[in-house]
Amino acid sequence: SFCCAPLLVAQENDALVRKVDDHYNHLSSLRAHYTESYAGMG
């Protein structure tokens, strides 16, 4: 179980990342409202 745990976590993380890939690879366009905040250089 200790040996397999890191592998299972890696597989779960890969699945989550692929979910983002799949979501946007099936999009042709997007419109959204955005708020941009910047803090730096005083």
PDB file of all heavy atoms in Angstrom:
ATOM      1  N   SER A   1       0.833  -1.202   0.000  1.00  0.00           N
ATOM      2  CA  SER A   1       0.000   0.000   0.000  1.00  0.00           C
ATOM      3  C   SER A   1       0.867   1.251   0.000  1.00  0.00           C
ATOM      4  O   SER A   1       0.555   2.237  -0.663  1.00  0.00           O
ATOM      5  CB  SER A   1      -0.941   0.003   1.209  1.00  0.00           C
ATOM      6  OG  SER A   1      -0.212   0.112   2.418  1.00  0.00           O
ATOM      7  N   PHE A   2       1.978   1.223   0.754  1.00  0.00           N
ATOM      8  CA  PHE A   2       2.886   2.371   0.778  1.00  0.00           C
ATOM      9  C   PHE A   2       3.545   2.574  -0.579  1.00  0.00           C
ATOM     10  O   PHE A   2       3.754   3.704  -1.025  1.00  0.00           O
ATOM     11  CB  PHE A   2       3.961   2.186   1.855  1.00  0.00           C
ATOM     12  CG  PHE A   2       3.507   2.564   3.234  1.00  0.00           C
ATOM     13  CD1 PHE A   2       3.480   1.630   4.256  1.00  0.00           C
ATOM     14  CD2 PHE A   2       3.081   3.856   3.507  1.00  0.00           C
ATOM     15  CE1 PHE A   2       3.055   1.986   5.521  1.00  0.00           C
ATOM     16  CE2 PHE A   2       2.646   4.210   4.776  1.00  0.00           C
ATOM     17  CZ  PHE A   2       2.635   3.277   5.779  1.00  0.00           C
ATOM     18  N   CYS A   3       3.847   1.484  -1.251  1.00  0.00           N
ATOM     19  CA  CYS A   3       4.502   1.561  -2.563  1.00  0.00           C
ATOM     20  C   CYS A   3       3.535   2.075  -3.626  1.00  0.00           C
ATOM     21  O   CYS A   3       3.929   2.812  -4.536  1.00  0.00           O
ATOM     22  CB  CYS A   3       5.038   0.189  -2.968  1.00  0.00           C
ATOM     23  SG  CYS A   3       6.416  -0.394  -1.945  1.00  0.00           S
ATOM     24  N   CYS A   4       2.274   1.675  -3.508  1.00  0.00           N
ATOM     25  CA  CYS A   4       1.300   2.025  -4.539  1.00  0.00           C
ATOM     26  C   CYS A   4       0.710   3.420  -4.356  1.00  0.00           C
ATOM     27  O   CYS A   4       0.233   4.021  -5.320  1.00  0.00           O
ATOM     28  CB  CYS A   4       0.150   1.009  -4.544  1.00  0.00           C
ATOM     29  SG  CYS A   4       0.650  -0.635  -5.083  1.00  0.00           S
ATOM     30  N   ALA A   5       0.747   3.932  -3.120  1.00  0.00           N
ATOM     31  CA  ALA A   5       0.116   5.222  -2.839  1.00  0.00           C
ATOM     32  C   ALA A   5       0.609   6.347  -3.738  1.00  0.00           C
ATOM     33  O   ALA A   5      -0.202   7.078  -4.324  1.00  0.00           O
ATOM     34  CB  ALA A   5       0.302   5.590  -1.375  1.00  0.00           C
ATOM     35  N   PRO A   6       1.934   6.542  -3.893  1.00  0.00           N
ATOM     36  CA  PRO A   6       2.408   7.623  -4.778  1.00  0.00           C
ATOM     37  C   PRO A   6       1.931   7.457  -6.217  1.00  0.00           C
ATOM     38  O   PRO A   6       1.611   8.437  -6.892  1.00  0.00           O
ATOM     39  CB  PRO A   6       3.938   7.526  -4.674  1.00  0.00           C
ATOM     40  CG  PRO A   6       4.192   6.845  -3.367  1.00  0.00           C
ATOM     41  CD  PRO A   6       3.072   5.868  -3.232  1.00  0.00           C
ATOM     42  N   LEU A   7       1.877   6.205  -6.684  1.00  0.00           N
ATOM     43  CA  LEU A   7       1.427   5.939  -8.050  1.00  0.00           C
ATOM     44  C   LEU A   7      -0.042   6.304  -8.209  1.00  0.00           C
ATOM     45  O   LEU A   7      -0.439   6.915  -9.207  1.00  0.00           O
ATOM     46  CB  LEU A   7       1.647   4.471  -8.398  1.00  0.00           C
ATOM     47  CG  LEU A   7       1.171   4.019  -9.793  1.00  0.00           C
ATOM     48  CD1 LEU A   7       1.894   4.821 -10.873  1.00  0.00           C
ATOM     49  CD2 LEU A   7       1.399   2.526  -9.972  1.00  0.00           C
ATOM     50  N   LEU A   8      -0.859   5.949  -7.203  1.00  0.00           N
ATOM     51  CA  LEU A   8      -2.283   6.262  -7.268  1.00  0.00           C
ATOM     52  C   LEU A   8      -2.516   7.769  -7.252  1.00  0.00           C
ATOM     53  O   LEU A   8      -3.357   8.286  -7.988  1.00  0.00           O
ATOM     54  CB  LEU A   8      -3.014   5.608  -6.093  1.00  0.00           C
ATOM     55  CG  LEU A   8      -3.103   4.088  -6.116  1.00  0.00           C
ATOM     56  CD1 LEU A   8      -3.746   3.569  -4.837  1.00  0.00           C
ATOM     57  CD2 LEU A   8      -3.893   3.611  -7.326  1.00  0.00           C
ATOM     58  N   VAL A   9      -1.756   8.487  -6.415  1.00  0.00           N
ATOM     59  CA  VAL A   9      -1.880   9.944  -6.358  1.00  0.00           C
ATOM     60  C   VAL A   9      -1.503  10.553  -7.694  1.00  0.00           C
ATOM     61  O   VAL A   9      -2.177  11.452  -8.210  1.00  0.00           O
ATOM     62  CB  VAL A   9      -1.004  10.524  -5.229  1.00  0.00           C
ATOM     63  CG1 VAL A   9      -0.944  12.047  -5.325  1.00  0.00           C
ATOM     64  CG2 VAL A   9      -1.533  10.095  -3.865  1.00  0.00           C
ATOM     65  N   ALA A  10      -0.411  10.070  -8.291  1.00  0.00           N
ATOM     66  CA  ALA A  10       0.039  10.585  -9.586  1.00  0.00           C
ATOM     67  C   ALA A  10      -1.015  10.344 -10.659  1.00  0.00           C
ATOM     68  O   ALA A  10      -1.275  11.224 -11.499  1.00  0.00           O
ATOM     69  CB  ALA A  10       1.359   9.923  -9.982  1.00  0.00           C
ATOM     70  N   GLN A  11      -1.644   9.164 -10.620  1.00  0.00           N
ATOM     71  CA  GLN A  11      -2.677   8.849 -11.604  1.00  0.00           C
ATOM     72  C   GLN A  11      -3.900   9.750 -11.421  1.00  0.00           C
ATOM     73  O   GLN A  11      -4.494  10.207 -12.396  1.00  0.00           O
ATOM     74  CB  GLN A  11      -3.079   7.376 -11.480  1.00  0.00           C
ATOM     75  CG  GLN A  11      -1.995   6.407 -11.944  1.00  0.00           C
ATOM     76  CD  GLN A  11      -2.369   4.964 -11.694  1.00  0.00           C
ATOM     77  OE1 GLN A  11      -3.218   4.650 -10.864  1.00  0.00           O
ATOM     78  NE2 GLN A  11      -1.723   4.055 -12.423  1.00  0.00           N
ATOM     79  N   GLU A  12      -4.267  10.005 -10.147  1.00  0.00           N
ATOM     80  CA  GLU A  12      -5.401  10.885  -9.871  1.00  0.00           C
ATOM     81  C   GLU A  12      -5.100  12.311 -10.336  1.00  0.00           C
ATOM     82  O   GLU A  12      -5.957  12.984 -10.913  1.00  0.00           O
ATOM     83  CB  GLU A  12      -5.715  10.867  -8.372  1.00  0.00           C
ATOM     84  CG  GLU A  12      -6.290   9.542  -7.885  1.00  0.00           C
ATOM     85  CD  GLU A  12      -6.444   9.500  -6.379  1.00  0.00           C
ATOM     86  OE1 GLU A  12      -6.028  10.482  -5.715  1.00  0.00           O
ATOM     87  OE2 GLU A  12      -6.965   8.506  -5.863  1.00  0.00           O
ATOM     88  N   ASN A  13      -3.877  12.784 -10.082  1.00  0.00           N
ATOM     89  CA  ASN A  13      -3.489  14.130 -10.513  1.00  0.00           C
ATOM     90  C   ASN A  13      -3.490  14.240 -12.025  1.00  0.00           C
ATOM     91  O   ASN A  13      -3.941  15.252 -12.587  1.00  0.00           O
ATOM     92  CB  ASN A  13      -2.108  14.481  -9.956  1.00  0.00           C
ATOM     93  CG  ASN A  13      -2.126  14.733  -8.463  1.00  0.00           C
ATOM     94  OD1 ASN A  13      -3.193  14.839  -7.850  1.00  0.00           O
ATOM     95  ND2 ASN A  13      -0.959  14.815  -7.857  1.00  0.00           N
ATOM     96  N   ASP A  14      -2.983  13.223 -12.703  1.00  0.00           N
ATOM     97  CA  ASP A  14      -2.983  13.221 -14.168  1.00  0.00           C
ATOM     98  C   ASP A  14      -4.409  13.297 -14.704  1.00  0.00           C
ATOM     99  O   ASP A  14      -4.681  13.986 -15.691  1.00  0.00           O
ATOM    100  CB  ASP A  14      -2.295  11.962 -14.707  1.00  0.00           C
ATOM    101  CG  ASP A  14      -0.780  12.026 -14.577  1.00  0.00           C
ATOM    102  OD1 ASP A  14      -0.252  13.123 -14.293  1.00  0.00           O
ATOM    103  OD2 ASP A  14      -0.121  10.982 -14.758  1.00  0.00           O
ATOM    104  N   ALA A  15      -5.325  12.594 -14.039  1.00  0.00           N
ATOM    105  CA  ALA A  15      -6.732  12.598 -14.481  1.00  0.00           C
ATOM    106  C   ALA A  15      -7.334  13.988 -14.332  1.00  0.00           C
ATOM    107  O   ALA A  15      -8.091  14.440 -15.196  1.00  0.00           O
ATOM    108  CB  ALA A  15      -7.535  11.574 -13.681  1.00  0.00           C
ATOM    109  N   LEU A  16      -7.002  14.690 -13.248  1.00  0.00           N
ATOM    110  CA  LEU A  16      -7.521  16.040 -13.040  1.00  0.00           C
ATOM    111  C   LEU A  16      -6.960  17.014 -14.078  1.00  0.00           C
ATOM    112  O   LEU A  16      -7.682  17.856 -14.613  1.00  0.00           O
ATOM    113  CB  LEU A  16      -7.169  16.527 -11.629  1.00  0.00           C
ATOM    114  CG  LEU A  16      -7.876  15.811 -10.475  1.00  0.00           C
ATOM    115  CD1 LEU A  16      -7.353  16.312  -9.137  1.00  0.00           C
ATOM    116  CD2 LEU A  16      -9.382  16.014 -10.558  1.00  0.00           C
ATOM    117  N   VAL A  17      -5.671  16.885 -14.366  1.00  0.00           N
ATOM    118  CA  VAL A  17      -5.048  17.755 -15.371  1.00  0.00           C
ATOM    119  C   VAL A  17      -5.655  17.493 -16.743  1.00  0.00           C
ATOM    120  O   VAL A  17      -5.946  18.427 -17.500  1.00  0.00           O
ATOM    121  CB  VAL A  17      -3.519  17.542 -15.404  1.00  0.00           C
ATOM    122  CG1 VAL A  17      -2.893  18.301 -16.578  1.00  0.00           C
ATOM    123  CG2 VAL A  17      -2.889  18.018 -14.099  1.00  0.00           C
ATOM    124  N   ARG A  18      -5.885  16.229 -17.071  1.00  0.00           N
ATOM    125  CA  ARG A  18      -6.497  15.886 -18.359  1.00  0.00           C
ATOM    126  C   ARG A  18      -7.916  16.431 -18.454  1.00  0.00           C
ATOM    127  O   ARG A  18      -8.395  16.743 -19.548  1.00  0.00           O
ATOM    128  CB  ARG A  18      -6.489  14.367 -18.570  1.00  0.00           C
ATOM    129  CG  ARG A  18      -5.126  13.795 -18.939  1.00  0.00           C
ATOM    130  CD  ARG A  18      -5.287  12.398 -19.533  1.00  0.00           C
ATOM    131  NE  ARG A  18      -5.968  11.491 -18.615  1.00  0.00           N
ATOM    132  CZ  ARG A  18      -5.341  10.767 -17.693  1.00  0.00           C
ATOM    133  NH1 ARG A  18      -4.036  10.854 -17.561  1.00  0.00           N
ATOM    134  NH2 ARG A  18      -6.029   9.959 -16.898  1.00  0.00           N
ATOM    135  N   LYS A  19      -8.587  16.562 -17.313  1.00  0.00           N
ATOM    136  CA  LYS A  19      -9.945  17.116 -17.317  1.00  0.00           C
ATOM    137  C   LYS A  19      -9.924  18.554 -17.834  1.00  0.00           C
ATOM    138  O   LYS A  19     -10.804  18.966 -18.598  1.00  0.00           O
ATOM    139  CB  LYS A  19     -10.536  17.057 -15.902  1.00  0.00           C
ATOM    140  CG  LYS A  19     -11.971  17.534 -15.825  1.00  0.00           C
ATOM    141  CD  LYS A  19     -12.558  17.322 -14.435  1.00  0.00           C
ATOM    142  CE  LYS A  19     -12.760  15.852 -14.147  1.00  0.00           C
ATOM    143  NZ  LYS A  19     -13.522  15.654 -12.883  1.00  0.00           N
ATOM    144  N   VAL A  20      -8.903  19.320 -17.433  1.00  0.00           N
ATOM    145  CA  VAL A  20      -8.752  20.688 -17.938  1.00  0.00           C
ATOM    146  C   VAL A  20      -8.430  20.660 -19.421  1.00  0.00           C
ATOM    147  O   VAL A  20      -8.996  21.416 -20.226  1.00  0.00           O
ATOM    148  CB  VAL A  20      -7.658  21.441 -17.160  1.00  0.00           C
ATOM    149  CG1 VAL A  20      -7.524  22.876 -17.675  1.00  0.00           C
ATOM    150  CG2 VAL A  20      -7.978  21.457 -15.672  1.00  0.00           C
ATOM    151  N   ASP A  21      -7.481  19.795 -19.804  1.00  0.00           N
ATOM    152  CA  ASP A  21      -7.117  19.668 -21.218  1.00  0.00           C
ATOM    153  C   ASP A  21      -8.355  19.359 -22.056  1.00  0.00           C
ATOM    154  O   ASP A  21      -8.607  20.009 -23.080  1.00  0.00           O
ATOM    155  CB  ASP A  21      -6.089  18.544 -21.404  1.00  0.00           C
ATOM    156  CG  ASP A  21      -4.741  18.862 -20.785  1.00  0.00           C
ATOM    157  OD1 ASP A  21      -4.484  20.051 -20.513  1.00  0.00           O
ATOM    158  OD2 ASP A  21      -3.947  17.930 -20.576  1.00  0.00           O
ATOM    159  N   ASP A  22      -9.127  18.375 -21.629  1.00  0.00           N
ATOM    160  CA  ASP A  22     -10.303  17.953 -22.397  1.00  0.00           C
ATOM    161  C   ASP A  22     -11.340  19.074 -22.471  1.00  0.00           C
ATOM    162  O   ASP A  22     -11.963  19.288 -23.518  1.00  0.00           O
ATOM    163  CB  ASP A  22     -10.937  16.709 -21.763  1.00  0.00           C
ATOM    164  CG  ASP A  22     -10.065  15.472 -21.908  1.00  0.00           C
ATOM    165  OD1 ASP A  22      -9.154  15.485 -22.757  1.00  0.00           O
ATOM    166  OD2 ASP A  22     -10.271  14.506 -21.146  1.00  0.00           O
ATOM    167  N   HIS A  23     -11.516  19.772 -21.363  1.00  0.00           N
ATOM    168  CA  HIS A  23     -12.512  20.841 -21.331  1.00  0.00           C
ATOM    169  C   HIS A  23     -12.219  21.903 -22.376  1.00  0.00           C
ATOM    170  O   HIS A  23     -13.097  22.287 -23.153  1.00  0.00           O
ATOM    171  CB  HIS A  23     -12.555  21.476 -19.936  1.00  0.00           C
ATOM    172  CG  HIS A  23     -13.598  22.531 -19.787  1.00  0.00           C
ATOM    173  ND1 HIS A  23     -14.893  22.251 -19.407  1.00  0.00           N
ATOM    174  CD2 HIS A  23     -13.567  23.880 -19.988  1.00  0.00           C
ATOM    175  CE1 HIS A  23     -15.590  23.359 -19.368  1.00  0.00           C
ATOM    176  NE2 HIS A  23     -14.822  24.376 -19.711  1.00  0.00           N
ATOM    177  N   TYR A  24     -10.981  22.363 -22.414  1.00  0.00           N
ATOM    178  CA  TYR A  24     -10.644  23.453 -23.326  1.00  0.00           C
ATOM    179  C   TYR A  24     -10.360  22.979 -24.746  1.00  0.00           C
ATOM    180  O   TYR A  24     -10.526  23.750 -25.698  1.00  0.00           O
ATOM    181  CB  TYR A  24      -9.481  24.266 -22.765  1.00  0.00           C
ATOM    182  CG  TYR A  24      -9.939  25.118 -21.606  1.00  0.00           C
ATOM    183  CD1 TYR A  24      -9.754  24.697 -20.300  1.00  0.00           C
ATOM    184  CD2 TYR A  24     -10.631  26.306 -21.827  1.00  0.00           C
ATOM    185  CE1 TYR A  24     -10.218  25.447 -19.235  1.00  0.00           C
ATOM    186  CE2 TYR A  24     -11.102  27.065 -20.775  1.00  0.00           C
ATOM    187  CZ  TYR A  24     -10.894  26.635 -19.477  1.00  0.00           C
ATOM    188  OH  TYR A  24     -11.376  27.376 -18.425  1.00  0.00           O
ATOM    189  N   ASN A  25      -9.973  21.735 -24.914  1.00  0.00           N
ATOM    190  CA  ASN A  25      -9.773  21.225 -26.272  1.00  0.00           C
ATOM    191  C   ASN A  25     -11.092  21.064 -27.015  1.00  0.00           C
ATOM    192  O   ASN A  25     -11.108  20.987 -28.242  1.00  0.00           O
ATOM    193  CB  ASN A  25      -9.023  19.887 -26.236  1.00  0.00           C
ATOM    194  CG  ASN A  25      -7.554  20.065 -25.891  1.00  0.00           C
ATOM    195  OD1 ASN A  25      -6.989  21.141 -26.118  1.00  0.00           O
ATOM    196  ND2 ASN A  25      -6.930  19.040 -25.342  1.00  0.00           N
ATOM    197  N   HIS A  26     -12.200  21.024 -26.273  1.00  0.00           N
ATOM    198  CA  HIS A  26     -13.510  20.919 -26.914  1.00  0.00           C
ATOM    199  C   HIS A  26     -14.185  22.270 -27.083  1.00  0.00           C
ATOM    200  O   HIS A  26     -15.315  22.345 -27.560  1.00  0.00           O
ATOM    201  CB  HIS A  26     -14.418  19.976 -26.114  1.00  0.00           C
ATOM    202  CG  HIS A  26     -14.069  18.526 -26.275  1.00  0.00           C
ATOM    203  ND1 HIS A  26     -13.145  17.885 -25.471  1.00  0.00           N
ATOM    204  CD2 HIS A  26     -14.483  17.603 -27.165  1.00  0.00           C
ATOM    205  CE1 HIS A  26     -13.028  16.627 -25.858  1.00  0.00           C
ATOM    206  NE2 HIS A  26     -13.835  16.422 -26.880  1.00  0.00           N
ATOM    207  N   LEU A  27     -13.508  23.333 -26.689  1.00  0.00           N
ATOM    208  CA  LEU A  27     -14.049  24.672 -26.861  1.00  0.00           C
ATOM    209  C   LEU A  27     -13.565  25.283 -28.169  1.00  0.00           C
ATOM    210  O   LEU A  27     -12.441  25.052 -28.591  1.00  0.00           O
ATOM    211  CB  LEU A  27     -13.609  25.592 -25.718  1.00  0.00           C
ATOM    212  CG  LEU A  27     -14.227  25.401 -24.347  1.00  0.00           C
ATOM    213  CD1 LEU A  27     -13.753  26.501 -23.406  1.00  0.00           C
ATOM    214  CD2 LEU A  27     -15.736  25.400 -24.422  1.00  0.00           C
ATOM    215  N   SER A  28     -14.437  26.073 -28.787  1.00  0.00           N
ATOM    216  CA  SER A  28     -14.026  26.836 -29.962  1.00  0.00           C
ATOM    217  C   SER A  28     -13.911  28.321 -29.632  1.00  0.00           C
ATOM    218  O   SER A  28     -13.153  29.054 -30.273  1.00  0.00           O
ATOM    219  CB  SER A  28     -15.026  26.644 -31.106  1.00  0.00           C
ATOM    220  OG  SER A  28     -16.323  27.099 -30.722  1.00  0.00           O
ATOM    221  N   SER A  29     -14.637  28.761 -28.588  1.00  0.00           N
ATOM    222  CA  SER A  29     -14.608  30.167 -28.209  1.00  0.00           C
ATOM    223  C   SER A  29     -15.085  30.315 -26.772  1.00  0.00           C
ATOM    224  O   SER A  29     -15.694  29.404 -26.196  1.00  0.00           O
ATOM    225  CB  SER A  29     -15.485  31.007 -29.142  1.00  0.00           C
ATOM    226  OG  SER A  29     -16.843  30.639 -29.006  1.00  0.00           O
ATOM    227  N   LEU A  30     -14.808  31.498 -26.209  1.00  0.00           N
ATOM    228  CA  LEU A  30     -15.184  31.761 -24.829  1.00  0.00           C
ATOM    229  C   LEU A  30     -15.355  33.262 -24.627  1.00  0.00           C
ATOM    230  O   LEU A  30     -14.570  34.064 -25.138  1.00  0.00           O
ATOM    231  CB  LEU A  30     -14.099  31.243 -23.880  1.00  0.00           C
ATOM    232  CG  LEU A  30     -14.253  31.567 -22.391  1.00  0.00           C
ATOM    233  CD1 LEU A  30     -15.393  30.753 -21.790  1.00  0.00           C
ATOM    234  CD2 LEU A  30     -12.952  31.290 -21.651  1.00  0.00           C
ATOM    235  N   ARG A  31     -16.391  33.644 -23.877  1.00  0.00           N
ATOM    236  CA  ARG A  31     -16.560  35.020 -23.437  1.00  0.00           C
ATOM    237  C   ARG A  31     -16.705  35.006 -21.917  1.00  0.00           C
ATOM    238  O   ARG A  31     -17.429  34.176 -21.370  1.00  0.00           O
ATOM    239  CB  ARG A  31     -17.797  35.665 -24.067  1.00  0.00           C
ATOM    240  CG  ARG A  31     -18.047  37.100 -23.554  1.00  0.00           C
ATOM    241  CD  ARG A  31     -19.360  37.688 -24.048  1.00  0.00           C
ATOM    242  NE  ARG A  31     -19.290  38.064 -25.457  1.00  0.00           N
ATOM    243  CZ  ARG A  31     -19.979  37.485 -26.437  1.00  0.00           C
ATOM    244  NH1 ARG A  31     -20.790  36.476 -26.144  1.00  0.00           N
ATOM    245  NH2 ARG A  31     -19.875  37.886 -27.677  1.00  0.00           N
ATOM    246  N   ALA A  32     -16.003  35.918 -21.241  1.00  0.00           N
ATOM    247  CA  ALA A  32     -16.092  35.962 -19.782  1.00  0.00           C
ATOM    248  C   ALA A  32     -15.812  37.369 -19.286  1.00  0.00           C
ATOM    249  O   ALA A  32     -15.141  38.166 -19.957  1.00  0.00           O
ATOM    250  CB  ALA A  32     -15.098  34.981 -19.157  1.00  0.00           C
ATOM    251  N   HIS A  33     -16.337  37.675 -18.110  1.00  0.00           N
ATOM    252  CA  HIS A  33     -15.968  38.920 -17.426  1.00  0.00           C
ATOM    253  C   HIS A  33     -14.746  38.609 -16.563  1.00  0.00           C
ATOM    254  O   HIS A  33     -14.653  37.545 -15.966  1.00  0.00           O
ATOM    255  CB  HIS A  33     -17.123  39.406 -16.546  1.00  0.00           C
ATOM    256  CG  HIS A  33     -16.784  40.641 -15.756  1.00  0.00           C
ATOM    257  ND1 HIS A  33     -16.235  40.579 -14.499  1.00  0.00           N
ATOM    258  CD2 HIS A  33     -16.886  41.956 -16.070  1.00  0.00           C
ATOM    259  CE1 HIS A  33     -16.023  41.814 -14.059  1.00  0.00           C
ATOM    260  NE2 HIS A  33     -16.414  42.665 -14.996  1.00  0.00           N
ATOM    261  N   TYR A  34     -13.798  39.528 -16.520  1.00  0.00           N
ATOM    262  CA  TYR A  34     -12.607  39.310 -15.712  1.00  0.00           C
ATOM    263  C   TYR A  34     -12.355  40.493 -14.787  1.00  0.00           C
ATOM    264  O   TYR A  34     -12.709  41.631 -15.074  1.00  0.00           O
ATOM    265  CB  TYR A  34     -11.365  39.071 -16.587  1.00  0.00           C
ATOM    266  CG  TYR A  34     -10.886  40.298 -17.342  1.00  0.00           C
ATOM    267  CD1 TYR A  34     -10.015  41.208 -16.756  1.00  0.00           C
ATOM    268  CD2 TYR A  34     -11.334  40.548 -18.635  1.00  0.00           C
ATOM    269  CE1 TYR A  34      -9.592  42.339 -17.455  1.00  0.00           C
ATOM    270  CE2 TYR A  34     -10.914  41.665 -19.339  1.00  0.00           C
ATOM    271  CZ  TYR A  34     -10.037  42.550 -18.738  1.00  0.00           C
ATOM    272  OH  TYR A  34      -9.635  43.673 -19.408  1.00  0.00           O
ATOM    273  N   THR A  35     -11.746  40.182 -13.648  1.00  0.00           N
ATOM    274  CA  THR A  35     -11.230  41.191 -12.732  1.00  0.00           C
ATOM    275  C   THR A  35      -9.734  40.935 -12.599  1.00  0.00           C
ATOM    276  O   THR A  35      -9.327  39.805 -12.305  1.00  0.00           O
ATOM    277  CB  THR A  35     -11.900  41.101 -11.358  1.00  0.00           C
ATOM    278  OG1 THR A  35     -13.311  41.295 -11.500  1.00  0.00           O
ATOM    279  CG2 THR A  35     -11.347  42.169 -10.423  1.00  0.00           C
ATOM    280  N   GLU A  36      -8.943  41.947 -12.832  1.00  0.00           N
ATOM    281  CA  GLU A  36      -7.482  41.828 -12.783  1.00  0.00           C
ATOM    282  C   GLU A  36      -6.957  42.664 -11.621  1.00  0.00           C
ATOM    283  O   GLU A  36      -7.232  43.857 -11.523  1.00  0.00           O
ATOM    284  CB  GLU A  36      -6.865  42.318 -14.095  1.00  0.00           C
ATOM    285  CG  GLU A  36      -5.346  42.349 -14.094  1.00  0.00           C
ATOM    286  CD  GLU A  36      -4.779  42.960 -15.369  1.00  0.00           C
ATOM    287  OE1 GLU A  36      -5.539  43.079 -16.365  1.00  0.00           O
ATOM    288  OE2 GLU A  36      -3.595  43.332 -15.369  1.00  0.00           O
ATOM    289  N   SER A  37      -6.208  42.029 -10.731  1.00  0.00           N
ATOM    290  CA  SER A  37      -5.615  42.731  -9.587  1.00  0.00           C
ATOM    291  C   SER A  37      -4.107  42.617  -9.663  1.00  0.00           C
ATOM    292  O   SER A  37      -3.571  41.532  -9.924  1.00  0.00           O
ATOM    293  CB  SER A  37      -6.112  42.127  -8.262  1.00  0.00           C
ATOM    294  OG  SER A  37      -7.521  42.210  -8.174  1.00  0.00           O
ATOM    295  N   TYR A  38      -3.431  43.733  -9.428  1.00  0.00           N
ATOM    296  CA  TYR A  38      -1.960  43.753  -9.483  1.00  0.00           C
ATOM    297  C   TYR A  38      -1.417  44.422  -8.236  1.00  0.00           C
ATOM    298  O   TYR A  38      -1.909  45.474  -7.808  1.00  0.00           O
ATOM    299  CB  TYR A  38      -1.477  44.514 -10.725  1.00  0.00           C
ATOM    300  CG  TYR A  38       0.035  44.721 -10.753  1.00  0.00           C
ATOM    301  CD1 TYR A  38       0.880  43.724 -11.214  1.00  0.00           C
ATOM    302  CD2 TYR A  38       0.599  45.913 -10.298  1.00  0.00           C
ATOM    303  CE1 TYR A  38       2.263  43.900 -11.235  1.00  0.00           C
ATOM    304  CE2 TYR A  38       1.977  46.102 -10.316  1.00  0.00           C
ATOM    305  CZ  TYR A  38       2.803  45.091 -10.778  1.00  0.00           C
ATOM    306  OH  TYR A  38       4.169  45.266 -10.792  1.00  0.00           O
ATOM    307  N   ALA A  39      -0.395  43.793  -7.627  1.00  0.00           N
ATOM    308  CA  ALA A  39       0.285  44.370  -6.471  1.00  0.00           C
ATOM    309  C   ALA A  39       1.782  44.180  -6.665  1.00  0.00           C
ATOM    310  O   ALA A  39       2.267  43.052  -6.772  1.00  0.00           O
ATOM    311  CB  ALA A  39      -0.179  43.706  -5.179  1.00  0.00           C
ATOM    312  N   GLY A  40       2.522  45.296  -6.708  1.00  0.00           N
ATOM    313  CA  GLY A  40       3.958  45.215  -6.899  1.00  0.00           C
ATOM    314  C   GLY A  40       4.530  46.533  -7.369  1.00  0.00           C
ATOM    315  O   GLY A  40       3.791  47.410  -7.847  1.00  0.00           O
ATOM    316  N   MET A  41       5.852  46.696  -7.212  1.00  0.00           N
ATOM    317  CA  MET A  41       6.534  47.909  -7.651  1.00  0.00           C
ATOM    318  C   MET A  41       5.894  49.153  -7.031  1.00  0.00           C
ATOM    319  O   MET A  41       5.799  50.212  -7.659  1.00  0.00           O
ATOM    320  CB  MET A  41       6.518  48.016  -9.183  1.00  0.00           C
ATOM    321  CG  MET A  41       7.201  46.853  -9.877  1.00  0.00           C
ATOM    322  SD  MET A  41       7.135  46.954 -11.689  1.00  0.00           S
ATOM    323  CE  MET A  41       8.088  48.458 -11.981  1.00  0.00           C
ATOM    324  N   GLY A  42       5.403  49.013  -5.784  1.00  0.00           N
ATOM    325  CA  GLY A  42       4.796  50.142  -5.094  1.00  0.00           C
ATOM    326  C   GLY A  42       3.413  50.497  -5.575  1.00  0.00           C
ATOM    327  O   GLY A  42       2.886  51.559  -5.222  1.00  0.00           O
TER     328      GLY A  42
END
